[in-house]
Amino acid sequence: MNTKINQNVNLAYQIREGMYSDSQIVNACLKNSTGTIEFFIRDNNLQKIKFSNSFQIMDNSELLEKNQPDEDAMADSGFKQLVGLLANFIKRSIDTYQYSTIVVRYQVNEDGQSLKDLRFDNIKETHFKRR
């Protein structure tokens, strides 16, 4: 196996373990039917995970009634699918993640059991040595 593939397999493992072991991330995903998860990668290693979500509170100048996250919006099966698809995508990727921010946007189906939409962005960074 070449180095790039080994690095991606290792990174996928780190992301999978990070997602499952961080109760704040698990709870945030389970309580939100849509969300954005950012993974900060330095030297092919996961440094931190950040979760964010947004709420629409107005539409066409009208205040919307519901603007809070759903309680139990994503089932455990939806979370497992999210983590599994993400880890498999990274493992099989021909891209490198040496210095990157991976941004994942998801949306679950109404039943919360499976994903309706999953988007993946790899934002490359260039680091310069200080003089």
Protein backbone atom coordinates (compact mmCIF):
# COMPACT_ATOMS: atom_id res chain seq x y z
CA MET A 1 0.00 0.00 0.00
CA ASN A 2 1.42 3.41 -0.82
CA THR A 3 1.93 6.19 1.73
CA LYS A 4 -1.00 8.35 0.60
CA ILE A 5 -3.44 5.45 0.99
CA ASN A 6 -2.01 4.59 4.43
CA GLN A 7 -2.36 8.23 5.51
CA ASN A 8 -5.99 8.34 4.34
CA VAL A 9 -6.83 5.05 6.10
CA ASN A 10 -5.26 6.39 9.30
CA LEU A 11 -7.12 9.71 8.98
CA ALA A 12 -10.43 7.92 8.33
CA TYR A 13 -9.87 5.91 11.52
CA GLN A 14 -9.10 9.09 13.51
CA ILE A 15 -12.26 10.77 12.23
CA ARG A 16 -14.43 7.73 12.95
CA GLU A 17 -13.04 7.44 16.49
CA GLY A 18 -13.32 11.20 17.06
CA MET A 19 -16.94 11.27 15.96
CA TYR A 20 -17.97 8.32 18.13
CA SER A 21 -15.97 9.32 21.22
CA ASP A 22 -17.02 12.98 21.45
CA SER A 23 -20.42 13.09 23.17
CA GLN A 24 -20.93 16.75 22.20
CA ILE A 25 -20.59 15.92 18.50
CA VAL A 26 -22.81 12.82 18.80
CA ASN A 27 -25.52 14.78 20.66
CA ALA A 28 -25.33 17.72 18.24
CA CYS A 29 -25.82 15.41 15.26
CA LEU A 30 -28.64 13.44 16.89
CA LYS A 31 -30.53 16.64 17.74
CA ASN A 32 -30.18 18.33 14.34
CA SER A 33 -31.60 17.08 11.07
CA THR A 34 -29.12 19.29 9.20
CA GLY A 35 -25.65 20.39 10.20
CA THR A 36 -22.10 21.19 9.22
CA ILE A 37 -19.11 19.37 10.66
CA GLU A 38 -15.59 20.68 10.16
CA PHE A 39 -12.49 18.55 10.62
CA PHE A 40 -9.19 20.37 10.97
CA ILE A 41 -6.26 18.31 9.68
CA ARG A 42 -2.60 19.10 10.30
CA ASP A 43 0.16 16.87 8.95
CA ASN A 44 -2.42 14.17 8.08
CA ASN A 45 -3.71 14.04 11.66
CA LEU A 46 -7.08 15.11 13.01
CA GLN A 47 -6.62 18.15 15.26
CA LYS A 48 -10.19 19.16 16.09
CA ILE A 49 -13.82 18.71 15.14
CA LYS A 50 -16.33 21.56 15.06
CA PHE A 51 -20.12 21.26 14.65
CA SER A 52 -22.35 24.10 13.53
CA ASN A 53 -25.95 24.44 12.52
CA SER A 54 -28.15 27.28 11.42
CA PHE A 55 -31.79 28.10 11.91
CA GLN A 56 -34.05 30.07 9.65
CA ILE A 57 -36.06 32.40 11.86
CA MET A 58 -37.63 34.60 9.16
CA ASP A 59 -38.90 33.94 5.66
CA ASN A 60 -40.18 36.72 3.38
CA SER A 61 -40.30 39.11 6.35
CA GLU A 62 -42.42 36.69 8.38
CA LEU A 63 -41.26 35.26 11.67
CA LEU A 64 -41.28 31.49 11.57
CA GLU A 65 -42.83 29.54 14.44
CA LYS A 66 -40.30 26.71 14.58
CA ASN A 67 -36.69 27.72 14.78
CA GLN A 68 -35.22 25.38 17.38
CA PRO A 69 -33.52 22.04 16.75
CA ASP A 70 -35.66 18.94 16.71
CA GLU A 71 -35.27 16.68 19.71
CA ASP A 72 -34.11 13.31 18.36
CA ALA A 73 -33.90 14.53 14.73
CA MET A 74 -31.37 11.88 13.71
CA ALA A 75 -31.60 8.24 14.73
CA ASP A 76 -28.52 6.24 15.73
CA SER A 77 -28.69 4.52 12.33
CA GLY A 78 -28.47 7.90 10.57
CA PHE A 79 -25.43 8.84 12.65
CA LYS A 80 -23.74 5.50 11.91
CA GLN A 81 -24.45 5.99 8.20
CA LEU A 82 -22.96 9.51 8.30
CA VAL A 83 -19.76 8.39 10.04
CA GLY A 84 -19.41 5.26 7.88
CA LEU A 85 -19.87 7.07 4.56
CA LEU A 86 -17.44 9.81 5.57
CA ALA A 87 -14.75 7.38 6.73
CA ASN A 88 -15.11 5.21 3.62
CA PHE A 89 -14.94 8.25 1.34
CA ILE A 90 -11.68 9.39 2.93
CA LYS A 91 -10.17 5.88 2.90
CA ARG A 92 -10.88 5.46 -0.82
CA SER A 93 -9.97 9.01 -1.80
CA ILE A 94 -7.06 9.71 -4.10
CA ASP A 95 -6.86 13.21 -2.60
CA THR A 96 -4.45 14.17 0.17
CA TYR A 97 -5.32 15.88 3.43
CA GLN A 98 -1.88 16.98 4.68
CA TYR A 99 -3.08 20.44 5.73
CA SER A 100 -6.81 20.71 5.18
CA THR A 101 -10.16 21.59 6.58
CA ILE A 102 -12.76 19.00 5.64
CA VAL A 103 -16.28 20.43 5.68
CA VAL A 104 -19.18 17.99 5.70
CA ARG A 105 -22.78 19.16 5.31
CA TYR A 106 -25.55 16.68 5.96
CA GLN A 107 -29.32 16.44 5.96
CA VAL A 108 -31.30 13.42 7.16
CA ASN A 109 -34.60 12.16 5.79
CA GLU A 110 -37.76 12.99 7.72
CA ASP A 111 -37.65 9.66 9.54
CA GLY A 112 -34.10 10.42 10.73
CA GLN A 113 -33.00 6.88 9.88
CA SER A 114 -30.91 7.71 6.80
CA LEU A 115 -29.24 10.59 5.00
CA LYS A 116 -31.01 12.64 2.36
CA ASP A 117 -27.98 14.74 1.40
CA LEU A 118 -24.27 14.60 2.18
CA ARG A 119 -21.70 17.07 0.85
CA PHE A 120 -17.94 17.00 1.29
CA ASP A 121 -15.47 19.85 0.76
CA ASN A 122 -11.70 19.55 1.13
CA ILE A 123 -10.23 22.99 1.70
CA LYS A 124 -6.47 22.83 1.18
CA GLU A 125 -4.14 25.04 3.15
CA THR A 126 -0.59 26.12 2.46
CA HIS A 127 1.60 26.73 5.49
CA PHE A 128 4.64 28.95 5.18
CA LYS A 129 7.65 28.90 7.46
CA ARG A 130 8.12 32.05 9.46
CA ARG A 131 11.31 33.92 8.79
